[in-house]
Amino acid sequence: AKGKHNAKQIESEISEDIVKYGKSRKFDLII
């Protein structure tokens, strides 16, 4: 994160990653 716009983008990316990696069913934990 290096700015307000970037922080909002990260929030969106994490939301997408939660779905994407959840569908893979490979991890007990994602940090």
PDB file of all heavy atoms in Angstrom:
ATOM      1  N   ALA A   1       0.844  -1.200   0.000  1.00  0.00           N
ATOM      2  CA  ALA A   1       0.000   0.000   0.000  1.00  0.00           C
ATOM      3  C   ALA A   1       0.872   1.239   0.000  1.00  0.00           C
ATOM      4  O   ALA A   1       1.752   1.374   0.830  1.00  0.00           O
ATOM      5  CB  ALA A   1      -0.914   0.004   1.214  1.00  0.00           C
ATOM      6  N   LYS A   2       0.607   2.137  -0.940  1.00  0.00           N
ATOM      7  CA  LYS A   2       1.388   3.378  -0.994  1.00  0.00           C
ATOM      8  C   LYS A   2       0.524   4.612  -1.203  1.00  0.00           C
ATOM      9  O   LYS A   2       1.031   5.673  -1.510  1.00  0.00           O
ATOM     10  CB  LYS A   2       2.466   3.277  -2.077  1.00  0.00           C
ATOM     11  CG  LYS A   2       1.969   2.838  -3.431  1.00  0.00           C
ATOM     12  CD  LYS A   2       3.118   2.500  -4.349  1.00  0.00           C
ATOM     13  CE  LYS A   2       2.610   1.876  -5.626  1.00  0.00           C
ATOM     14  NZ  LYS A   2       3.652   1.323  -6.440  1.00  0.00           N
ATOM     15  N   GLY A   3      -0.771   4.479  -1.026  1.00  0.00           N
ATOM     16  CA  GLY A   3      -1.660   5.625  -1.162  1.00  0.00           C
ATOM     17  C   GLY A   3      -3.110   5.229  -0.974  1.00  0.00           C
ATOM     18  O   GLY A   3      -3.443   4.046  -0.936  1.00  0.00           O
ATOM     19  N   LYS A   4      -3.986   6.220  -0.840  1.00  0.00           N
ATOM     20  CA  LYS A   4      -5.404   5.975  -0.595  1.00  0.00           C
ATOM     21  C   LYS A   4      -6.037   5.123  -1.695  1.00  0.00           C
ATOM     22  O   LYS A   4      -6.763   4.170  -1.436  1.00  0.00           O
ATOM     23  CB  LYS A   4      -6.135   7.313  -0.466  1.00  0.00           C
ATOM     24  CG  LYS A   4      -7.592   7.189  -0.105  1.00  0.00           C
ATOM     25  CD  LYS A   4      -8.227   8.554   0.090  1.00  0.00           C
ATOM     26  CE  LYS A   4      -9.685   8.419   0.474  1.00  0.00           C
ATOM     27  NZ  LYS A   4     -10.325   9.726   0.666  1.00  0.00           N
ATOM     28  N   HIS A   5      -5.768   5.477  -2.960  1.00  0.00           N
ATOM     29  CA  HIS A   5      -6.326   4.709  -4.071  1.00  0.00           C
ATOM     30  C   HIS A   5      -5.834   3.268  -4.028  1.00  0.00           C
ATOM     31  O   HIS A   5      -6.604   2.331  -4.224  1.00  0.00           O
ATOM     32  CB  HIS A   5      -5.957   5.365  -5.406  1.00  0.00           C
ATOM     33  CG  HIS A   5      -6.371   4.554  -6.595  1.00  0.00           C
ATOM     34  ND1 HIS A   5      -7.685   4.458  -6.992  1.00  0.00           N
ATOM     35  CD2 HIS A   5      -5.651   3.790  -7.455  1.00  0.00           C
ATOM     36  CE1 HIS A   5      -7.760   3.669  -8.056  1.00  0.00           C
ATOM     37  NE2 HIS A   5      -6.548   3.257  -8.350  1.00  0.00           N
ATOM     38  N   ASN A   6      -4.553   3.106  -3.743  1.00  0.00           N
ATOM     39  CA  ASN A   6      -3.966   1.775  -3.676  1.00  0.00           C
ATOM     40  C   ASN A   6      -4.583   0.963  -2.541  1.00  0.00           C
ATOM     41  O   ASN A   6      -4.822  -0.234  -2.674  1.00  0.00           O
ATOM     42  CB  ASN A   6      -2.448   1.913  -3.499  1.00  0.00           C
ATOM     43  CG  ASN A   6      -1.710   0.619  -3.669  1.00  0.00           C
ATOM     44  OD1 ASN A   6      -1.033   0.183  -2.745  1.00  0.00           O
ATOM     45  ND2 ASN A   6      -1.826   0.000  -4.827  1.00  0.00           N
ATOM     46  N   ALA A   7      -4.865   1.593  -1.393  1.00  0.00           N
ATOM     47  CA  ALA A   7      -5.484   0.897  -0.258  1.00  0.00           C
ATOM     48  C   ALA A   7      -6.881   0.395  -0.622  1.00  0.00           C
ATOM     49  O   ALA A   7      -7.259  -0.719  -0.273  1.00  0.00           O
ATOM     50  CB  ALA A   7      -5.545   1.820   0.952  1.00  0.00           C
ATOM     51  N   LYS A   8      -7.641   1.208  -1.347  1.00  0.00           N
ATOM     52  CA  LYS A   8      -8.973   0.778  -1.791  1.00  0.00           C
ATOM     53  C   LYS A   8      -8.866  -0.390  -2.769  1.00  0.00           C
ATOM     54  O   LYS A   8      -9.668  -1.319  -2.740  1.00  0.00           O
ATOM     55  CB  LYS A   8      -9.717   1.944  -2.440  1.00  0.00           C
ATOM     56  CG  LYS A   8     -10.171   2.992  -1.455  1.00  0.00           C
ATOM     57  CD  LYS A   8     -10.921   4.111  -2.136  1.00  0.00           C
ATOM     58  CE  LYS A   8     -11.407   5.136  -1.140  1.00  0.00           C
ATOM     59  NZ  LYS A   8     -12.134   6.228  -1.772  1.00  0.00           N
ATOM     60  N   GLN A   9      -7.854  -0.336  -3.625  1.00  0.00           N
ATOM     61  CA  GLN A   9      -7.622  -1.426  -4.579  1.00  0.00           C
ATOM     62  C   GLN A   9      -7.264  -2.714  -3.828  1.00  0.00           C
ATOM     63  O   GLN A   9      -7.747  -3.789  -4.179  1.00  0.00           O
ATOM     64  CB  GLN A   9      -6.494  -1.032  -5.530  1.00  0.00           C
ATOM     65  CG  GLN A   9      -6.162  -2.070  -6.569  1.00  0.00           C
ATOM     66  CD  GLN A   9      -4.998  -1.630  -7.461  1.00  0.00           C
ATOM     67  OE1 GLN A   9      -4.618  -0.471  -7.496  1.00  0.00           O
ATOM     68  NE2 GLN A   9      -4.427  -2.585  -8.159  1.00  0.00           N
ATOM     69  N   ILE A  10      -6.454  -2.596  -2.781  1.00  0.00           N
ATOM     70  CA  ILE A  10      -6.075  -3.762  -1.985  1.00  0.00           C
ATOM     71  C   ILE A  10      -7.297  -4.377  -1.315  1.00  0.00           C
ATOM     72  O   ILE A  10      -7.456  -5.592  -1.289  1.00  0.00           O
ATOM     73  CB  ILE A  10      -4.999  -3.375  -0.945  1.00  0.00           C
ATOM     74  CG1 ILE A  10      -3.658  -3.173  -1.663  1.00  0.00           C
ATOM     75  CG2 ILE A  10      -4.875  -4.418   0.158  1.00  0.00           C
ATOM     76  CD1 ILE A  10      -2.568  -2.586  -0.810  1.00  0.00           C
ATOM     77  N   GLU A  11      -8.182  -3.545  -0.799  1.00  0.00           N
ATOM     78  CA  GLU A  11      -9.414  -4.040  -0.187  1.00  0.00           C
ATOM     79  C   GLU A  11     -10.215  -4.875  -1.188  1.00  0.00           C
ATOM     80  O   GLU A  11     -10.691  -5.964  -0.878  1.00  0.00           O
ATOM     81  CB  GLU A  11     -10.243  -2.867   0.319  1.00  0.00           C
ATOM     82  CG  GLU A  11     -11.526  -3.278   0.995  1.00  0.00           C
ATOM     83  CD  GLU A  11     -12.311  -2.087   1.514  1.00  0.00           C
ATOM     84  OE1 GLU A  11     -12.118  -0.969   1.014  1.00  0.00           O
ATOM     85  OE2 GLU A  11     -13.132  -2.297   2.430  1.00  0.00           O
ATOM     86  N   SER A  12     -10.315  -4.382  -2.411  1.00  0.00           N
ATOM     87  CA  SER A  12     -11.035  -5.101  -3.455  1.00  0.00           C
ATOM     88  C   SER A  12     -10.325  -6.403  -3.830  1.00  0.00           C
ATOM     89  O   SER A  12     -10.956  -7.448  -3.991  1.00  0.00           O
ATOM     90  CB  SER A  12     -11.175  -4.194  -4.684  1.00  0.00           C
ATOM     91  OG  SER A  12     -11.802  -4.864  -5.732  1.00  0.00           O
ATOM     92  N   GLU A  13      -8.989  -6.343  -3.948  1.00  0.00           N
ATOM     93  CA  GLU A  13      -8.206  -7.535  -4.302  1.00  0.00           C
ATOM     94  C   GLU A  13      -8.361  -8.628  -3.248  1.00  0.00           C
ATOM     95  O   GLU A  13      -8.513  -9.809  -3.592  1.00  0.00           O
ATOM     96  CB  GLU A  13      -6.724  -7.179  -4.449  1.00  0.00           C
ATOM     97  CG  GLU A  13      -6.383  -6.402  -5.693  1.00  0.00           C
ATOM     98  CD  GLU A  13      -4.918  -5.985  -5.731  1.00  0.00           C
ATOM     99  OE1 GLU A  13      -4.132  -6.428  -4.860  1.00  0.00           O
ATOM    100  OE2 GLU A  13      -4.556  -5.202  -6.628  1.00  0.00           O
ATOM    101  N   ILE A  14      -8.326  -8.247  -1.968  1.00  0.00           N
ATOM    102  CA  ILE A  14      -8.452  -9.249  -0.907  1.00  0.00           C
ATOM    103  C   ILE A  14      -9.826  -9.904  -0.963  1.00  0.00           C
ATOM    104  O   ILE A  14      -9.949 -11.123  -0.825  1.00  0.00           O
ATOM    105  CB  ILE A  14      -8.184  -8.621   0.479  1.00  0.00           C
ATOM    106  CG1 ILE A  14      -6.697  -8.269   0.609  1.00  0.00           C
ATOM    107  CG2 ILE A  14      -8.602  -9.579   1.598  1.00  0.00           C
ATOM    108  CD1 ILE A  14      -6.338  -7.536   1.891  1.00  0.00           C
ATOM    109  N   SER A  15     -10.862  -9.117  -1.201  1.00  0.00           N
ATOM    110  CA  SER A  15     -12.206  -9.685  -1.322  1.00  0.00           C
ATOM    111  C   SER A  15     -12.273 -10.695  -2.462  1.00  0.00           C
ATOM    112  O   SER A  15     -12.859 -11.774  -2.318  1.00  0.00           O
ATOM    113  CB  SER A  15     -13.232  -8.570  -1.543  1.00  0.00           C
ATOM    114  OG  SER A  15     -13.299  -7.730  -0.419  1.00  0.00           O
ATOM    115  N   GLU A  16     -11.657 -10.358  -3.587  1.00  0.00           N
ATOM    116  CA  GLU A  16     -11.619 -11.282  -4.721  1.00  0.00           C
ATOM    117  C   GLU A  16     -10.780 -12.514  -4.403  1.00  0.00           C
ATOM    118  O   GLU A  16     -11.142 -13.641  -4.759  1.00  0.00           O
ATOM    119  CB  GLU A  16     -11.046 -10.579  -5.960  1.00  0.00           C
ATOM    120  CG  GLU A  16     -11.962  -9.528  -6.544  1.00  0.00           C
ATOM    121  CD  GLU A  16     -11.316  -8.753  -7.687  1.00  0.00           C
ATOM    122  OE1 GLU A  16     -10.274  -9.196  -8.214  1.00  0.00           O
ATOM    123  OE2 GLU A  16     -11.853  -7.696  -8.056  1.00  0.00           O
ATOM    124  N   ASP A  17      -9.641 -12.297  -3.727  1.00  0.00           N
ATOM    125  CA  ASP A  17      -8.758 -13.416  -3.380  1.00  0.00           C
ATOM    126  C   ASP A  17      -9.446 -14.406  -2.447  1.00  0.00           C
ATOM    127  O   ASP A  17      -9.252 -15.620  -2.568  1.00  0.00           O
ATOM    128  CB  ASP A  17      -7.475 -12.909  -2.706  1.00  0.00           C
ATOM    129  CG  ASP A  17      -6.521 -12.217  -3.672  1.00  0.00           C
ATOM    130  OD1 ASP A  17      -6.711 -12.351  -4.899  1.00  0.00           O
ATOM    131  OD2 ASP A  17      -5.588 -11.540  -3.194  1.00  0.00           O
ATOM    132  N   ILE A  18     -10.247 -13.904  -1.518  1.00  0.00           N
ATOM    133  CA  ILE A  18     -10.956 -14.786  -0.590  1.00  0.00           C
ATOM    134  C   ILE A  18     -11.830 -15.764  -1.363  1.00  0.00           C
ATOM    135  O   ILE A  18     -11.851 -16.964  -1.080  1.00  0.00           O
ATOM    136  CB  ILE A  18     -11.772 -13.965   0.431  1.00  0.00           C
ATOM    137  CG1 ILE A  18     -10.823 -13.316   1.444  1.00  0.00           C
ATOM    138  CG2 ILE A  18     -12.822 -14.829   1.127  1.00  0.00           C
ATOM    139  CD1 ILE A  18     -11.486 -12.320   2.376  1.00  0.00           C
ATOM    140  N   VAL A  19     -12.520 -15.269  -2.374  1.00  0.00           N
ATOM    141  CA  VAL A  19     -13.373 -16.137  -3.190  1.00  0.00           C
ATOM    142  C   VAL A  19     -12.517 -17.063  -4.056  1.00  0.00           C
ATOM    143  O   VAL A  19     -12.720 -18.280  -4.089  1.00  0.00           O
ATOM    144  CB  VAL A  19     -14.330 -15.300  -4.069  1.00  0.00           C
ATOM    145  CG1 VAL A  19     -15.104 -16.199  -5.029  1.00  0.00           C
ATOM    146  CG2 VAL A  19     -15.285 -14.488  -3.195  1.00  0.00           C
ATOM    147  N   LYS A  20     -11.531 -16.490  -4.722  1.00  0.00           N
ATOM    148  CA  LYS A  20     -10.677 -17.242  -5.649  1.00  0.00           C
ATOM    149  C   LYS A  20      -9.952 -18.390  -4.949  1.00  0.00           C
ATOM    150  O   LYS A  20      -9.985 -19.536  -5.402  1.00  0.00           O
ATOM    151  CB  LYS A  20      -9.683 -16.260  -6.270  1.00  0.00           C
ATOM    152  CG  LYS A  20      -8.681 -16.822  -7.215  1.00  0.00           C
ATOM    153  CD  LYS A  20      -7.865 -15.732  -7.892  1.00  0.00           C
ATOM    154  CE  LYS A  20      -7.147 -14.828  -6.929  1.00  0.00           C
ATOM    155  NZ  LYS A  20      -6.269 -13.839  -7.573  1.00  0.00           N
ATOM    156  N   TYR A  21      -9.313 -18.096  -3.813  1.00  0.00           N
ATOM    157  CA  TYR A  21      -8.567 -19.145  -3.112  1.00  0.00           C
ATOM    158  C   TYR A  21      -9.487 -20.092  -2.355  1.00  0.00           C
ATOM    159  O   TYR A  21      -9.148 -21.254  -2.146  1.00  0.00           O
ATOM    160  CB  TYR A  21      -7.515 -18.528  -2.191  1.00  0.00           C
ATOM    161  CG  TYR A  21      -6.438 -17.789  -2.969  1.00  0.00           C
ATOM    162  CD1 TYR A  21      -6.102 -16.484  -2.655  1.00  0.00           C
ATOM    163  CD2 TYR A  21      -5.780 -18.395  -4.033  1.00  0.00           C
ATOM    164  CE1 TYR A  21      -5.125 -15.797  -3.370  1.00  0.00           C
ATOM    165  CE2 TYR A  21      -4.810 -17.726  -4.762  1.00  0.00           C
ATOM    166  CZ  TYR A  21      -4.484 -16.425  -4.421  1.00  0.00           C
ATOM    167  OH  TYR A  21      -3.532 -15.754  -5.140  1.00  0.00           O
ATOM    168  N   GLY A  22     -10.663 -19.613  -1.969  1.00  0.00           N
ATOM    169  CA  GLY A  22     -11.647 -20.509  -1.364  1.00  0.00           C
ATOM    170  C   GLY A  22     -12.127 -21.559  -2.343  1.00  0.00           C
ATOM    171  O   GLY A  22     -12.318 -22.723  -1.985  1.00  0.00           O
ATOM    172  N   LYS A  23     -12.302 -21.153  -3.591  1.00  0.00           N
ATOM    173  CA  LYS A  23     -12.718 -22.108  -4.624  1.00  0.00           C
ATOM    174  C   LYS A  23     -11.653 -23.174  -4.879  1.00  0.00           C
ATOM    175  O   LYS A  23     -11.965 -24.288  -5.285  1.00  0.00           O
ATOM    176  CB  LYS A  23     -13.020 -21.374  -5.930  1.00  0.00           C
ATOM    177  CG  LYS A  23     -14.324 -20.619  -5.940  1.00  0.00           C
ATOM    178  CD  LYS A  23     -14.557 -19.971  -7.297  1.00  0.00           C
ATOM    179  CE  LYS A  23     -15.871 -19.262  -7.383  1.00  0.00           C
ATOM    180  NZ  LYS A  23     -16.071 -18.637  -8.711  1.00  0.00           N
ATOM    181  N   SER A  24     -10.384 -22.840  -4.620  1.00  0.00           N
ATOM    182  CA  SER A  24      -9.313 -23.817  -4.871  1.00  0.00           C
ATOM    183  C   SER A  24      -9.298 -24.921  -3.821  1.00  0.00           C
ATOM    184  O   SER A  24      -8.762 -25.993  -4.062  1.00  0.00           O
ATOM    185  CB  SER A  24      -7.942 -23.123  -4.904  1.00  0.00           C
ATOM    186  OG  SER A  24      -7.510 -22.783  -3.596  1.00  0.00           O
ATOM    187  N   ARG A  25      -9.866 -24.657  -2.640  1.00  0.00           N
ATOM    188  CA  ARG A  25      -9.976 -25.642  -1.562  1.00  0.00           C
ATOM    189  C   ARG A  25      -8.634 -26.235  -1.151  1.00  0.00           C
ATOM    190  O   ARG A  25      -8.544 -27.406  -0.794  1.00  0.00           O
ATOM    191  CB  ARG A  25     -10.941 -26.765  -1.958  1.00  0.00           C
ATOM    192  CG  ARG A  25     -12.339 -26.292  -2.219  1.00  0.00           C
ATOM    193  CD  ARG A  25     -13.236 -27.393  -2.738  1.00  0.00           C
ATOM    194  NE  ARG A  25     -14.602 -26.935  -2.816  1.00  0.00           N
ATOM    195  CZ  ARG A  25     -15.563 -27.302  -1.973  1.00  0.00           C
ATOM    196  NH1 ARG A  25     -15.305 -28.139  -0.998  1.00  0.00           N
ATOM    197  NH2 ARG A  25     -16.781 -26.825  -2.106  1.00  0.00           N
ATOM    198  N   LYS A  26      -7.561 -25.432  -1.183  1.00  0.00           N
ATOM    199  CA  LYS A  26      -6.225 -25.958  -0.898  1.00  0.00           C
ATOM    200  C   LYS A  26      -5.658 -25.514   0.432  1.00  0.00           C
ATOM    201  O   LYS A  26      -4.680 -26.079   0.892  1.00  0.00           O
ATOM    202  CB  LYS A  26      -5.255 -25.538  -2.007  1.00  0.00           C
ATOM    203  CG  LYS A  26      -5.577 -26.170  -3.329  1.00  0.00           C
ATOM    204  CD  LYS A  26      -4.495 -25.928  -4.329  1.00  0.00           C
ATOM    205  CE  LYS A  26      -4.883 -26.624  -5.625  1.00  0.00           C
ATOM    206  NZ  LYS A  26      -3.789 -26.926  -6.463  1.00  0.00           N
ATOM    207  N   PHE A  27      -6.226 -24.490   1.052  1.00  0.00           N
ATOM    208  CA  PHE A  27      -5.603 -23.913   2.233  1.00  0.00           C
ATOM    209  C   PHE A  27      -6.542 -23.916   3.433  1.00  0.00           C
ATOM    210  O   PHE A  27      -7.730 -23.651   3.290  1.00  0.00           O
ATOM    211  CB  PHE A  27      -5.162 -22.470   1.953  1.00  0.00           C
ATOM    212  CG  PHE A  27      -4.245 -22.351   0.767  1.00  0.00           C
ATOM    213  CD1 PHE A  27      -4.693 -21.787  -0.425  1.00  0.00           C
ATOM    214  CD2 PHE A  27      -2.943 -22.806   0.829  1.00  0.00           C
ATOM    215  CE1 PHE A  27      -3.858 -21.681  -1.520  1.00  0.00           C
ATOM    216  CE2 PHE A  27      -2.093 -22.707  -0.264  1.00  0.00           C
ATOM    217  CZ  PHE A  27      -2.559 -22.144  -1.449  1.00  0.00           C
ATOM    218  N   ASP A  28      -5.971 -24.191   4.607  1.00  0.00           N
ATOM    219  CA  ASP A  28      -6.718 -24.032   5.856  1.00  0.00           C
ATOM    220  C   ASP A  28      -6.673 -22.585   6.314  1.00  0.00           C
ATOM    221  O   ASP A  28      -7.572 -22.118   7.009  1.00  0.00           O
ATOM    222  CB  ASP A  28      -6.118 -24.912   6.958  1.00  0.00           C
ATOM    223  CG  ASP A  28      -6.313 -26.397   6.686  1.00  0.00           C
ATOM    224  OD1 ASP A  28      -7.245 -26.754   5.935  1.00  0.00           O
ATOM    225  OD2 ASP A  28      -5.525 -27.194   7.211  1.00  0.00           O
ATOM    226  N   LEU A  29      -5.582 -21.886   5.937  1.00  0.00           N
ATOM    227  CA  LEU A  29      -5.403 -20.496   6.325  1.00  0.00           C
ATOM    228  C   LEU A  29      -4.702 -19.738   5.209  1.00  0.00           C
ATOM    229  O   LEU A  29      -3.728 -20.239   4.631  1.00  0.00           O
ATOM    230  CB  LEU A  29      -4.549 -20.397   7.605  1.00  0.00           C
ATOM    231  CG  LEU A  29      -4.114 -18.990   8.038  1.00  0.00           C
ATOM    232  CD1 LEU A  29      -5.319 -18.141   8.453  1.00  0.00           C
ATOM    233  CD2 LEU A  29      -3.091 -19.066   9.168  1.00  0.00           C
ATOM    234  N   ILE A  30      -5.194 -18.536   4.937  1.00  0.00           N
ATOM    235  CA  ILE A  30      -4.504 -17.613   4.037  1.00  0.00           C
ATOM    236  C   ILE A  30      -4.243 -16.331   4.812  1.00  0.00           C
ATOM    237  O   ILE A  30      -5.154 -15.751   5.408  1.00  0.00           O
ATOM    238  CB  ILE A  30      -5.310 -17.310   2.763  1.00  0.00           C
ATOM    239  CG1 ILE A  30      -5.438 -18.587   1.933  1.00  0.00           C
ATOM    240  CG2 ILE A  30      -4.633 -16.202   1.940  1.00  0.00           C
ATOM    241  CD1 ILE A  30      -6.188 -18.444   0.647  1.00  0.00           C
ATOM    242  N   ILE A  31      -2.973 -15.920   4.816  1.00  0.00           N
ATOM    243  CA  ILE A  31      -2.573 -14.686   5.484  1.00  0.00           C
ATOM    244  C   ILE A  31      -2.367 -13.607   4.431  1.00  0.00           C
ATOM    245  O   ILE A  31      -1.621 -13.819   3.468  1.00  0.00           O
ATOM    246  CB  ILE A  31      -1.282 -14.880   6.293  1.00  0.00           C
ATOM    247  CG1 ILE A  31      -1.487 -15.942   7.381  1.00  0.00           C
ATOM    248  CG2 ILE A  31      -0.827 -13.551   6.907  1.00  0.00           C
ATOM    249  CD1 ILE A  31      -0.208 -16.360   8.093  1.00  0.00           C
TER     250      ILE A  31
END
